[in-house]
Amino acid sequence: VSHELRAPLNGNKNLVETAIHSPKIPEDMKEKFLIPALRSSKFLLHMINDILDMSQIKEKKLRLTFESGDLVETLKSTAQLVELQAKKKGIKLALELVPKLPKNFSTDHIRLSQVILNLLTNSIKFTKEGGVIKLLAESVKKTLSWYKISVEDSGIGMSRENIKKLFSSYTHIEFEGRQKMNPTGIGLGLNIAYTLAEFLSPKDQQEGIKVES
């Protein structure tokens, strides 16, 4: 399923990206047709990835690969993926990392990046122009074994009732202006991020992700 869906979609996406960078195609045609086509391809690819992840989680076939890696590099490279998105919206993106984060930190760095990227993307969606988003990392219980990673924003906030619904599958938190802020979400990303965080967290943790507003 993964190959059948993603291979042709990636092919289309790559062709559109090549056309966008071609000097032979007029700029107005790029703006009207090619850039929207690229956005649609990226959104569809993102949606397919979410559905495949959800299927693997339900079938208990999701595999994590724990490897030693530089935690700072993982956090910085993840933040770089949304820098342009934040800049376009006039949002300041800041990293606040405690000194001496380990260079040999054992986790599934790809899945960790996926969780953080989901939280950062949501923060950007629901933070207005001029706001601030912080990515923080700090040691837990003064040990070098576990670290707490947080995404903090100056966004619109939410009620306790909505926090309870936040990580449910295919669920949207309804509020005035939601459609404008988040017109394309299908309600899977946060559920997947929550489950992945549970898998990556200490066994005695009650929650994969905790929310305060």
C-alpha atoms as a PDB file:
ATOM      1  CA  VAL A   1       0.000   0.000   0.000  1.00  0.00           C
ATOM      2  CA  SER A   2       2.781   2.384   0.945  1.00  0.00           C
ATOM      3  CA  HIS A   3       4.584   1.905  -2.369  1.00  0.00           C
ATOM      4  CA  GLU A   4       1.455   1.936  -4.551  1.00  0.00           C
ATOM      5  CA  LEU A   5       0.195   5.216  -3.094  1.00  0.00           C
ATOM      6  CA  ARG A   6       3.367   7.145  -2.460  1.00  0.00           C
ATOM      7  CA  ALA A   7       5.530   6.290  -5.470  1.00  0.00           C
ATOM      8  CA  PRO A   8       3.291   7.906  -8.143  1.00  0.00           C
ATOM      9  CA  LEU A   9       2.462  10.830  -5.855  1.00  0.00           C
ATOM     10  CA  ASN A  10       6.147  11.529  -5.237  1.00  0.00           C
ATOM     11  CA  GLY A  11       6.692  11.317  -8.994  1.00  0.00           C
ATOM     12  CA  ASN A  12       4.015  13.965  -9.605  1.00  0.00           C
ATOM     13  CA  LYS A  13       5.381  16.167  -6.823  1.00  0.00           C
ATOM     14  CA  ASN A  14       8.919  16.016  -8.238  1.00  0.00           C
ATOM     15  CA  LEU A  15       7.700  16.882 -11.749  1.00  0.00           C
ATOM     16  CA  VAL A  16       5.740  19.897 -10.472  1.00  0.00           C
ATOM     17  CA  GLU A  17       8.748  21.102  -8.416  1.00  0.00           C
ATOM     18  CA  THR A  18      10.963  20.810 -11.505  1.00  0.00           C
ATOM     19  CA  ALA A  19       8.456  22.853 -13.540  1.00  0.00           C
ATOM     20  CA  ILE A  20       8.292  25.532 -10.827  1.00  0.00           C
ATOM     21  CA  HIS A  21      12.069  26.019 -11.036  1.00  0.00           C
ATOM     22  CA  SER A  22      12.087  26.155 -14.843  1.00  0.00           C
ATOM     23  CA  PRO A  23      12.796  29.628 -16.287  1.00  0.00           C
ATOM     24  CA  LYS A  24      10.811  28.697 -19.413  1.00  0.00           C
ATOM     25  CA  ILE A  25       7.456  28.689 -17.605  1.00  0.00           C
ATOM     26  CA  PRO A  26       5.823  32.116 -16.963  1.00  0.00           C
ATOM     27  CA  GLU A  27       5.632  33.235 -13.344  1.00  0.00           C
ATOM     28  CA  ASP A  28       1.874  33.843 -13.471  1.00  0.00           C
ATOM     29  CA  MET A  29       1.306  30.246 -14.589  1.00  0.00           C
ATOM     30  CA  LYS A  30       3.454  29.033 -11.674  1.00  0.00           C
ATOM     31  CA  GLU A  31       1.443  31.124  -9.216  1.00  0.00           C
ATOM     32  CA  LYS A  32      -1.962  30.116 -10.577  1.00  0.00           C
ATOM     33  CA  PHE A  33      -1.418  26.432 -11.317  1.00  0.00           C
ATOM     34  CA  LEU A  34       1.887  24.863 -10.333  1.00  0.00           C
ATOM     35  CA  ILE A  35       2.309  26.141  -6.774  1.00  0.00           C
ATOM     36  CA  PRO A  36      -1.279  25.150  -5.785  1.00  0.00           C
ATOM     37  CA  ALA A  37      -0.671  21.745  -7.435  1.00  0.00           C
ATOM     38  CA  LEU A  38       2.498  21.300  -5.365  1.00  0.00           C
ATOM     39  CA  ARG A  39       0.665  22.244  -2.153  1.00  0.00           C
ATOM     40  CA  SER A  40      -2.055  19.707  -2.969  1.00  0.00           C
ATOM     41  CA  SER A  41       0.520  16.983  -3.621  1.00  0.00           C
ATOM     42  CA  LYS A  42       2.320  17.690  -0.352  1.00  0.00           C
ATOM     43  CA  PHE A  43      -0.942  17.694   1.598  1.00  0.00           C
ATOM     44  CA  LEU A  44      -2.067  14.410   0.044  1.00  0.00           C
ATOM     45  CA  LEU A  45       1.321  12.820   0.760  1.00  0.00           C
ATOM     46  CA  HIS A  46       1.123  14.015   4.371  1.00  0.00           C
ATOM     47  CA  MET A  47      -2.395  12.587   4.701  1.00  0.00           C
ATOM     48  CA  ILE A  48      -1.342   9.216   3.224  1.00  0.00           C
ATOM     49  CA  ASN A  49       1.602   9.034   5.641  1.00  0.00           C
ATOM     50  CA  ASP A  50      -0.732   9.708   8.584  1.00  0.00           C
ATOM     51  CA  ILE A  51      -3.188   7.026   7.478  1.00  0.00           C
ATOM     52  CA  LEU A  52      -0.378   4.486   7.010  1.00  0.00           C
ATOM     53  CA  ASP A  53       1.054   5.309  10.439  1.00  0.00           C
ATOM     54  CA  MET A  54      -2.393   4.971  12.009  1.00  0.00           C
ATOM     55  CA  SER A  55      -2.894   1.587  10.318  1.00  0.00           C
ATOM     56  CA  GLN A  56       0.453   0.322  11.615  1.00  0.00           C
ATOM     57  CA  ILE A  57      -0.346   1.536  15.141  1.00  0.00           C
ATOM     58  CA  LYS A  58      -3.754  -0.183  15.142  1.00  0.00           C
ATOM     59  CA  GLU A  59      -2.263  -3.432  13.839  1.00  0.00           C
ATOM     60  CA  LYS A  60       0.576  -3.114  16.387  1.00  0.00           C
ATOM     61  CA  LYS A  61       3.112  -3.328  13.571  1.00  0.00           C
ATOM     62  CA  LEU A  62       4.754   0.053  14.018  1.00  0.00           C
ATOM     63  CA  ARG A  63       8.487  -0.480  14.365  1.00  0.00           C
ATOM     64  CA  LEU A  64      10.760   1.918  16.211  1.00  0.00           C
ATOM     65  CA  THR A  65      14.492   2.002  15.562  1.00  0.00           C
ATOM     66  CA  PHE A  66      16.424   3.184  18.606  1.00  0.00           C
ATOM     67  CA  GLU A  67      19.841   4.510  17.672  1.00  0.00           C
ATOM     68  CA  SER A  68      22.410   6.767  19.286  1.00  0.00           C
ATOM     69  CA  GLY A  69      22.428  10.286  17.870  1.00  0.00           C
ATOM     70  CA  ASP A  70      22.964  13.983  18.599  1.00  0.00           C
ATOM     71  CA  LEU A  71      19.845  15.301  20.356  1.00  0.00           C
ATOM     72  CA  VAL A  72      20.711  18.945  19.608  1.00  0.00           C
ATOM     73  CA  GLU A  73      21.046  18.176  15.907  1.00  0.00           C
ATOM     74  CA  THR A  74      17.656  16.412  15.889  1.00  0.00           C
ATOM     75  CA  LEU A  75      15.957  19.391  17.554  1.00  0.00           C
ATOM     76  CA  LYS A  76      17.661  22.019  15.374  1.00  0.00           C
ATOM     77  CA  SER A  77      17.050  20.197  12.094  1.00  0.00           C
ATOM     78  CA  THR A  78      13.368  19.706  13.016  1.00  0.00           C
ATOM     79  CA  ALA A  79      12.942  23.389  13.838  1.00  0.00           C
ATOM     80  CA  GLN A  80      14.561  24.323  10.502  1.00  0.00           C
ATOM     81  CA  LEU A  81      11.760  22.499   8.664  1.00  0.00           C
ATOM     82  CA  VAL A  82       9.209  25.079   9.857  1.00  0.00           C
ATOM     83  CA  GLU A  83      11.400  28.202   9.949  1.00  0.00           C
ATOM     84  CA  LEU A  84      10.153  29.482   6.594  1.00  0.00           C
ATOM     85  CA  GLN A  85       6.531  28.739   7.495  1.00  0.00           C
ATOM     86  CA  ALA A  86       6.894  30.704  10.750  1.00  0.00           C
ATOM     87  CA  LYS A  87       8.736  33.582   9.048  1.00  0.00           C
ATOM     88  CA  LYS A  88       6.023  33.951   6.392  1.00  0.00           C
ATOM     89  CA  LYS A  89       3.465  34.344   9.170  1.00  0.00           C
ATOM     90  CA  GLY A  90       5.582  36.834  11.128  1.00  0.00           C
ATOM     91  CA  ILE A  91       6.164  34.435  14.025  1.00  0.00           C
ATOM     92  CA  LYS A  92       9.420  34.231  15.983  1.00  0.00           C
ATOM     93  CA  LEU A  93      10.734  30.679  16.413  1.00  0.00           C
ATOM     94  CA  ALA A  94      13.217  30.237  19.286  1.00  0.00           C
ATOM     95  CA  LEU A  95      15.185  27.273  20.652  1.00  0.00           C
ATOM     96  CA  GLU A  96      15.909  27.096  24.386  1.00  0.00           C
ATOM     97  CA  LEU A  97      18.130  24.087  25.061  1.00  0.00           C
ATOM     98  CA  VAL A  98      19.913  23.274  28.320  1.00  0.00           C
ATOM     99  CA  PRO A  99      23.719  23.066  28.047  1.00  0.00           C
ATOM    100  CA  LYS A 100      25.369  19.714  27.384  1.00  0.00           C
ATOM    101  CA  LEU A 101      22.491  17.939  25.694  1.00  0.00           C
ATOM    102  CA  PRO A 102      23.889  14.489  24.812  1.00  0.00           C
ATOM    103  CA  LYS A 103      25.531  13.789  21.468  1.00  0.00           C
ATOM    104  CA  ASN A 104      24.914  10.084  22.003  1.00  0.00           C
ATOM    105  CA  PHE A 105      21.238   9.997  22.899  1.00  0.00           C
ATOM    106  CA  SER A 106      19.376   6.738  22.266  1.00  0.00           C
ATOM    107  CA  THR A 107      15.918   7.132  20.738  1.00  0.00           C
ATOM    108  CA  ASP A 108      14.158   6.800  17.397  1.00  0.00           C
ATOM    109  CA  HIS A 109      15.317  10.194  16.142  1.00  0.00           C
ATOM    110  CA  ILE A 110      13.080  10.121  13.046  1.00  0.00           C
ATOM    111  CA  ARG A 111       9.934   9.462  15.096  1.00  0.00           C
ATOM    112  CA  LEU A 112      10.984  11.995  17.736  1.00  0.00           C
ATOM    113  CA  SER A 113      11.361  14.566  14.975  1.00  0.00           C
ATOM    114  CA  GLN A 114       7.905  13.599  13.666  1.00  0.00           C
ATOM    115  CA  VAL A 115       6.309  14.302  17.069  1.00  0.00           C
ATOM    116  CA  ILE A 116       8.047  17.661  17.474  1.00  0.00           C
ATOM    117  CA  LEU A 117       7.297  18.683  13.886  1.00  0.00           C
ATOM    118  CA  ASN A 118       3.600  17.984  14.425  1.00  0.00           C
ATOM    119  CA  LEU A 119       3.521  20.142  17.557  1.00  0.00           C
ATOM    120  CA  LEU A 120       5.466  22.987  15.913  1.00  0.00           C
ATOM    121  CA  THR A 121       3.221  22.922  12.841  1.00  0.00           C
ATOM    122  CA  ASN A 122       0.110  23.124  15.007  1.00  0.00           C
ATOM    123  CA  SER A 123       1.593  25.979  17.005  1.00  0.00           C
ATOM    124  CA  ILE A 124       2.231  27.920  13.804  1.00  0.00           C
ATOM    125  CA  LYS A 125      -1.327  27.279  12.588  1.00  0.00           C
ATOM    126  CA  PHE A 126      -2.893  28.656  15.760  1.00  0.00           C
ATOM    127  CA  THR A 127      -0.487  31.489  16.579  1.00  0.00           C
ATOM    128  CA  LYS A 128      -1.212  34.880  15.093  1.00  0.00           C
ATOM    129  CA  GLU A 129       1.267  37.205  13.425  1.00  0.00           C
ATOM    130  CA  GLY A 130       3.786  38.661  15.862  1.00  0.00           C
ATOM    131  CA  GLY A 131       3.589  35.660  18.188  1.00  0.00           C
ATOM    132  CA  VAL A 132       6.412  33.552  19.610  1.00  0.00           C
ATOM    133  CA  ILE A 133       6.972  29.790  19.534  1.00  0.00           C
ATOM    134  CA  LYS A 134       9.651  28.130  21.657  1.00  0.00           C
ATOM    135  CA  LEU A 135      11.159  24.667  21.388  1.00  0.00           C
ATOM    136  CA  LEU A 136      12.624  23.735  24.768  1.00  0.00           C
ATOM    137  CA  ALA A 137      14.614  20.756  26.070  1.00  0.00           C
ATOM    138  CA  GLU A 138      15.570  20.100  29.685  1.00  0.00           C
ATOM    139  CA  SER A 139      16.785  17.160  31.745  1.00  0.00           C
ATOM    140  CA  VAL A 140      14.282  15.291  33.929  1.00  0.00           C
ATOM    141  CA  LYS A 141      14.972  14.666  37.636  1.00  0.00           C
ATOM    142  CA  LYS A 142      18.548  15.879  37.269  1.00  0.00           C
ATOM    143  CA  THR A 143      19.561  12.779  35.320  1.00  0.00           C
ATOM    144  CA  LEU A 144      21.082  12.453  31.881  1.00  0.00           C
ATOM    145  CA  SER A 145      18.790   9.544  30.991  1.00  0.00           C
ATOM    146  CA  TRP A 146      15.558  11.338  30.110  1.00  0.00           C
ATOM    147  CA  TYR A 147      14.741  14.747  28.689  1.00  0.00           C
ATOM    148  CA  LYS A 148      11.535  16.725  28.543  1.00  0.00           C
ATOM    149  CA  ILE A 149      10.931  18.411  25.198  1.00  0.00           C
ATOM    150  CA  SER A 150       8.295  21.128  25.063  1.00  0.00           C
ATOM    151  CA  VAL A 151       6.692  23.336  22.447  1.00  0.00           C
ATOM    152  CA  GLU A 152       5.397  26.585  23.907  1.00  0.00           C
ATOM    153  CA  ASP A 153       3.451  29.190  21.941  1.00  0.00           C
ATOM    154  CA  SER A 154       1.548  32.428  22.375  1.00  0.00           C
ATOM    155  CA  GLY A 155      -1.403  31.098  20.385  1.00  0.00           C
ATOM    156  CA  ILE A 156      -5.149  31.218  20.954  1.00  0.00           C
ATOM    157  CA  GLY A 157      -5.217  28.699  23.815  1.00  0.00           C
ATOM    158  CA  MET A 158      -8.008  26.212  24.543  1.00  0.00           C
ATOM    159  CA  SER A 159     -10.464  25.154  27.224  1.00  0.00           C
ATOM    160  CA  ARG A 160     -10.077  22.088  29.459  1.00  0.00           C
ATOM    161  CA  GLU A 161     -12.944  20.424  27.594  1.00  0.00           C
ATOM    162  CA  ASN A 162     -11.142  20.838  24.281  1.00  0.00           C
ATOM    163  CA  ILE A 163      -7.843  19.579  25.721  1.00  0.00           C
ATOM    164  CA  LYS A 164      -9.605  16.290  26.549  1.00  0.00           C
ATOM    165  CA  LYS A 165     -10.585  15.895  22.873  1.00  0.00           C
ATOM    166  CA  LEU A 166      -7.256  17.013  21.461  1.00  0.00           C
ATOM    167  CA  PHE A 167      -5.672  13.628  20.784  1.00  0.00           C
ATOM    168  CA  SER A 168      -8.744  11.754  19.537  1.00  0.00           C
ATOM    169  CA  SER A 169      -8.681  10.401  15.974  1.00  0.00           C
ATOM    170  CA  TYR A 170     -10.425  12.435  13.246  1.00  0.00           C
ATOM    171  CA  THR A 171     -11.425  15.103  15.777  1.00  0.00           C
ATOM    172  CA  HIS A 172     -11.405  18.843  15.180  1.00  0.00           C
ATOM    173  CA  ILE A 173     -11.607  21.355  18.002  1.00  0.00           C
ATOM    174  CA  GLU A 174     -14.342  23.710  16.886  1.00  0.00           C
ATOM    175  CA  PHE A 175     -14.034  27.438  17.550  1.00  0.00           C
ATOM    176  CA  GLU A 176     -14.677  30.648  15.685  1.00  0.00           C
ATOM    177  CA  GLY A 177     -12.167  31.014  12.868  1.00  0.00           C
ATOM    178  CA  ARG A 178     -10.935  27.377  12.907  1.00  0.00           C
ATOM    179  CA  GLN A 179     -11.614  26.853   9.222  1.00  0.00           C
ATOM    180  CA  LYS A 180      -9.396  29.787   8.331  1.00  0.00           C
ATOM    181  CA  MET A 181      -6.559  28.721  10.653  1.00  0.00           C
ATOM    182  CA  ASN A 182      -6.664  25.001   9.874  1.00  0.00           C
ATOM    183  CA  PRO A 183      -8.577  24.362   6.651  1.00  0.00           C
ATOM    184  CA  THR A 184      -6.866  21.106   5.619  1.00  0.00           C
ATOM    185  CA  GLY A 185      -6.276  19.086   8.792  1.00  0.00           C
ATOM    186  CA  ILE A 186      -7.908  15.640   8.983  1.00  0.00           C
ATOM    187  CA  GLY A 187      -7.496  15.129  12.727  1.00  0.00           C
ATOM    188  CA  LEU A 188      -4.878  12.341  12.768  1.00  0.00           C
ATOM    189  CA  GLY A 189      -1.550  14.099  13.347  1.00  0.00           C
ATOM    190  CA  LEU A 190      -1.895  14.792  17.063  1.00  0.00           C
ATOM    191  CA  ASN A 191      -3.271  11.315  17.772  1.00  0.00           C
ATOM    192  CA  ILE A 192      -0.248   9.761  16.050  1.00  0.00           C
ATOM    193  CA  ALA A 193       2.146  12.156  17.806  1.00  0.00           C
ATOM    194  CA  TYR A 194       0.616  11.254  21.188  1.00  0.00           C
ATOM    195  CA  THR A 195       1.003   7.513  20.543  1.00  0.00           C
ATOM    196  CA  LEU A 196       4.581   7.875  19.284  1.00  0.00           C
ATOM    197  CA  ALA A 197       5.466   9.956  22.351  1.00  0.00           C
ATOM    198  CA  GLU A 198       4.090   7.164  24.568  1.00  0.00           C
ATOM    199  CA  PHE A 199       6.344   4.661  22.795  1.00  0.00           C
ATOM    200  CA  LEU A 200       9.376   6.933  23.205  1.00  0.00           C
ATOM    201  CA  SER A 201       8.714   7.902  26.843  1.00  0.00           C
ATOM    202  CA  PRO A 202       9.674   6.118  30.098  1.00  0.00           C
ATOM    203  CA  LYS A 203       7.371   3.200  30.955  1.00  0.00           C
ATOM    204  CA  ASP A 204       6.190   4.891  34.160  1.00  0.00           C
ATOM    205  CA  GLN A 205       4.861   7.941  32.260  1.00  0.00           C
ATOM    206  CA  GLN A 206       1.070   8.231  32.365  1.00  0.00           C
ATOM    207  CA  GLU A 207       0.864  10.316  29.197  1.00  0.00           C
ATOM    208  CA  GLY A 208       2.869  10.597  26.028  1.00  0.00           C
ATOM    209  CA  ILE A 209       2.199  14.331  25.735  1.00  0.00           C
ATOM    210  CA  LYS A 210       0.939  16.691  28.427  1.00  0.00           C
ATOM    211  CA  VAL A 211      -0.922  19.895  27.602  1.00  0.00           C
ATOM    212  CA  GLU A 212      -1.257  23.105  29.595  1.00  0.00           C
ATOM    213  CA  SER A 213      -3.159  26.179  28.455  1.00  0.00           C
END
